[in-house]
Each structure stands twice: as C-alpha cells, then as structure tokens.
Amino acid sequence: MFLTVRVSFAGCRAEARYAVLLDVVPVDGKRYRYAYHRYSWLVAGKADRPAPARLYPHPDSPFALRH
C-alpha cells in the first residue's frame, strides 16, 4: 500500500543539521483498495476527510523538532 521513497542529497555541509519534510496529498476524492487477483487498484468509495496538518518526526530521527 505504501510506496518506497528514496532520496539523495548533494552539497550539504557535514556540520549542519537538516530536516527533510515529505508532504503526501491525495490525487482525488476517492478511496482505493488493491485487488490481488487483478493486480490492480480499484475504487472502493469516497475518501475520508483529510486529517489536520501535523508534523510527525520519525522516532529514530536525531533531529528534534521544536515548536
């Protein structure tokens, strides 16, 4: 269900600290399910309302978000 995301960075300073944010937005107002027997995604109804915008730092991240 979830895609793999692979990124690489160049030109970053070794002594600097960076935060990388990923914003995932729906492409339409539909809910999908994967049909294994058809090897495809099928529309399975209307999408849920979007969740409130929040930042979720990865628990293993050495970077602490400050509000």
N, C-alpha and C. Protein backbone atom coordinates (compact mmCIF):
# COMPACT_ATOMS: atom_id res chain seq x y z
N MET A 1 0.81 -1.18 0.00
CA MET A 1 0.00 0.00 0.00
C MET A 1 0.86 1.25 0.00
N PHE A 2 1.98 1.24 0.68
CA PHE A 2 2.81 2.43 0.75
C PHE A 2 4.00 2.27 -0.17
N LEU A 3 4.25 3.30 -0.91
CA LEU A 3 5.38 3.29 -1.83
C LEU A 3 6.68 3.51 -1.08
N THR A 4 7.75 3.08 -1.68
CA THR A 4 9.07 3.34 -1.13
C THR A 4 9.56 4.67 -1.67
N VAL A 5 10.13 5.48 -0.80
CA VAL A 5 10.68 6.76 -1.21
C VAL A 5 12.18 6.72 -0.98
N ARG A 6 12.93 7.01 -2.02
CA ARG A 6 14.39 7.05 -1.92
C ARG A 6 14.86 8.42 -2.37
N VAL A 7 15.64 9.07 -1.55
CA VAL A 7 16.17 10.40 -1.88
C VAL A 7 17.66 10.41 -1.64
N SER A 8 18.33 11.32 -2.29
CA SER A 8 19.74 11.55 -2.04
C SER A 8 19.98 13.05 -2.07
N PHE A 9 20.98 13.48 -1.33
CA PHE A 9 21.29 14.90 -1.23
C PHE A 9 22.75 15.11 -1.56
N ALA A 10 23.03 16.22 -2.21
CA ALA A 10 24.41 16.58 -2.54
C ALA A 10 24.63 18.03 -2.14
N GLY A 11 25.86 18.34 -1.80
CA GLY A 11 26.21 19.71 -1.47
C GLY A 11 25.85 20.14 -0.07
N CYS A 12 25.53 19.19 0.79
CA CYS A 12 25.19 19.52 2.18
C CYS A 12 26.46 19.65 3.00
N ARG A 13 26.43 20.55 3.97
CA ARG A 13 27.58 20.71 4.85
C ARG A 13 27.52 19.66 5.95
N ALA A 14 28.63 19.03 6.24
CA ALA A 14 28.68 17.96 7.23
C ALA A 14 28.36 18.45 8.63
N GLU A 15 28.71 19.70 8.96
CA GLU A 15 28.48 20.20 10.32
C GLU A 15 27.06 20.75 10.51
N ALA A 16 26.29 20.88 9.45
CA ALA A 16 24.93 21.44 9.53
C ALA A 16 23.92 20.35 9.87
N ARG A 17 22.78 20.79 10.38
CA ARG A 17 21.67 19.87 10.66
C ARG A 17 20.53 20.21 9.71
N TYR A 18 19.92 19.20 9.14
CA TYR A 18 18.86 19.40 8.15
C TYR A 18 17.62 18.61 8.56
N ALA A 19 16.48 19.13 8.22
CA ALA A 19 15.21 18.41 8.39
C ALA A 19 14.60 18.25 7.00
N VAL A 20 14.15 17.05 6.70
CA VAL A 20 13.52 16.76 5.42
C VAL A 20 12.05 16.48 5.69
N LEU A 21 11.18 17.23 5.03
CA LEU A 21 9.75 17.07 5.21
C LEU A 21 9.15 16.49 3.93
N LEU A 22 8.21 15.59 4.09
CA LEU A 22 7.53 14.96 2.96
C LEU A 22 6.05 15.24 3.11
N ASP A 23 5.46 15.84 2.11
CA ASP A 23 4.03 16.17 2.12
C ASP A 23 3.33 15.23 1.15
N VAL A 24 2.43 14.41 1.66
CA VAL A 24 1.68 13.46 0.83
C VAL A 24 0.26 13.98 0.71
N VAL A 25 -0.17 14.23 -0.51
CA VAL A 25 -1.52 14.75 -0.74
C VAL A 25 -2.30 13.81 -1.65
N PRO A 26 -3.59 13.66 -1.42
CA PRO A 26 -4.39 12.79 -2.28
C PRO A 26 -4.54 13.38 -3.68
N VAL A 27 -4.65 12.52 -4.67
CA VAL A 27 -4.80 12.99 -6.05
C VAL A 27 -6.27 13.20 -6.42
N ASP A 28 -7.16 12.61 -5.65
CA ASP A 28 -8.58 12.79 -5.93
C ASP A 28 -9.38 12.50 -4.66
N GLY A 29 -10.69 12.49 -4.75
CA GLY A 29 -11.55 12.29 -3.60
C GLY A 29 -12.06 10.87 -3.46
N LYS A 30 -11.26 9.90 -3.89
CA LYS A 30 -11.70 8.51 -3.85
C LYS A 30 -10.83 7.68 -2.92
N ARG A 31 -11.39 6.58 -2.44
CA ARG A 31 -10.65 5.59 -1.65
C ARG A 31 -10.36 4.42 -2.58
N TYR A 32 -9.19 3.84 -2.41
CA TYR A 32 -8.80 2.72 -3.29
C TYR A 32 -8.47 1.49 -2.47
N ARG A 33 -8.60 0.34 -3.09
CA ARG A 33 -8.16 -0.92 -2.49
C ARG A 33 -7.44 -1.71 -3.57
N TYR A 34 -6.52 -2.55 -3.15
CA TYR A 34 -5.75 -3.35 -4.10
C TYR A 34 -6.42 -4.70 -4.28
N ALA A 35 -6.69 -5.07 -5.52
CA ALA A 35 -7.29 -6.37 -5.85
C ALA A 35 -6.16 -7.30 -6.30
N TYR A 36 -5.77 -8.22 -5.41
CA TYR A 36 -4.64 -9.10 -5.71
C TYR A 36 -4.89 -9.99 -6.92
N HIS A 37 -6.11 -10.46 -7.07
CA HIS A 37 -6.42 -11.35 -8.20
C HIS A 37 -6.37 -10.62 -9.55
N ARG A 38 -6.50 -9.28 -9.52
CA ARG A 38 -6.45 -8.49 -10.75
C ARG A 38 -5.15 -7.71 -10.88
N TYR A 39 -4.33 -7.73 -9.81
CA TYR A 39 -3.07 -6.98 -9.79
C TYR A 39 -3.29 -5.51 -10.12
N SER A 40 -4.32 -4.93 -9.52
CA SER A 40 -4.61 -3.52 -9.80
C SER A 40 -5.35 -2.88 -8.63
N TRP A 41 -5.38 -1.55 -8.64
CA TRP A 41 -6.09 -0.77 -7.65
C TRP A 41 -7.49 -0.49 -8.15
N LEU A 42 -8.49 -0.64 -7.28
CA LEU A 42 -9.89 -0.39 -7.63
C LEU A 42 -10.46 0.69 -6.72
N VAL A 43 -11.39 1.47 -7.26
CA VAL A 43 -12.07 2.48 -6.47
C VAL A 43 -12.96 1.76 -5.47
N ALA A 44 -12.87 2.16 -4.20
CA ALA A 44 -13.64 1.49 -3.15
C ALA A 44 -14.52 2.47 -2.38
N GLY A 45 -14.87 3.58 -2.99
CA GLY A 45 -15.76 4.52 -2.34
C GLY A 45 -15.18 5.91 -2.22
N LYS A 46 -15.88 6.72 -1.45
CA LYS A 46 -15.48 8.11 -1.24
C LYS A 46 -14.37 8.18 -0.19
N ALA A 47 -13.45 9.10 -0.38
CA ALA A 47 -12.31 9.24 0.54
C ALA A 47 -12.76 9.83 1.87
N ASP A 48 -11.97 9.55 2.90
CA ASP A 48 -12.19 10.16 4.21
C ASP A 48 -11.82 11.64 4.13
N ARG A 49 -12.32 12.40 5.09
CA ARG A 49 -11.91 13.80 5.17
C ARG A 49 -10.43 13.85 5.54
N PRO A 50 -9.71 14.84 5.04
CA PRO A 50 -8.27 14.91 5.36
C PRO A 50 -8.05 15.16 6.85
N ALA A 51 -7.00 14.57 7.36
CA ALA A 51 -6.60 14.77 8.76
C ALA A 51 -6.01 16.17 8.91
N PRO A 52 -6.05 16.72 10.11
CA PRO A 52 -5.43 18.04 10.29
C PRO A 52 -3.93 17.99 9.99
N ALA A 53 -3.42 19.08 9.47
CA ALA A 53 -1.99 19.14 9.11
C ALA A 53 -1.14 19.07 10.38
N ARG A 54 -0.22 18.13 10.40
CA ARG A 54 0.69 17.96 11.54
C ARG A 54 2.05 17.51 11.03
N LEU A 55 3.06 17.74 11.85
CA LEU A 55 4.40 17.22 11.56
C LEU A 55 4.63 16.00 12.43
N TYR A 56 5.06 14.91 11.82
CA TYR A 56 5.35 13.68 12.53
C TYR A 56 6.82 13.34 12.37
N PRO A 57 7.66 13.69 13.33
CA PRO A 57 9.08 13.32 13.21
C PRO A 57 9.24 11.81 13.39
N HIS A 58 10.13 11.24 12.63
CA HIS A 58 10.41 9.80 12.76
C HIS A 58 10.99 9.55 14.16
N PRO A 59 10.54 8.52 14.86
CA PRO A 59 11.02 8.29 16.22
C PRO A 59 12.52 8.00 16.32
N ASP A 60 13.14 7.55 15.25
CA ASP A 60 14.58 7.27 15.26
C ASP A 60 15.41 8.47 14.80
N SER A 61 14.76 9.57 14.51
CA SER A 61 15.46 10.73 13.98
C SER A 61 16.32 11.39 15.05
N PRO A 62 17.55 11.78 14.71
CA PRO A 62 18.38 12.51 15.66
C PRO A 62 17.99 13.99 15.72
N PHE A 63 17.12 14.42 14.83
CA PHE A 63 16.71 15.82 14.75
C PHE A 63 15.43 16.02 15.54
N ALA A 64 15.47 16.87 16.53
CA ALA A 64 14.29 17.13 17.36
C ALA A 64 13.58 18.37 16.83
N LEU A 65 12.30 18.23 16.51
CA LEU A 65 11.53 19.37 16.04
C LEU A 65 11.14 20.24 17.23
N ARG A 66 11.29 21.53 17.07
CA ARG A 66 10.90 22.47 18.11
C ARG A 66 9.75 23.31 17.60
N HIS A 67 8.77 23.48 18.42
CA HIS A 67 7.60 24.27 18.00
C HIS A 67 7.70 25.68 18.52
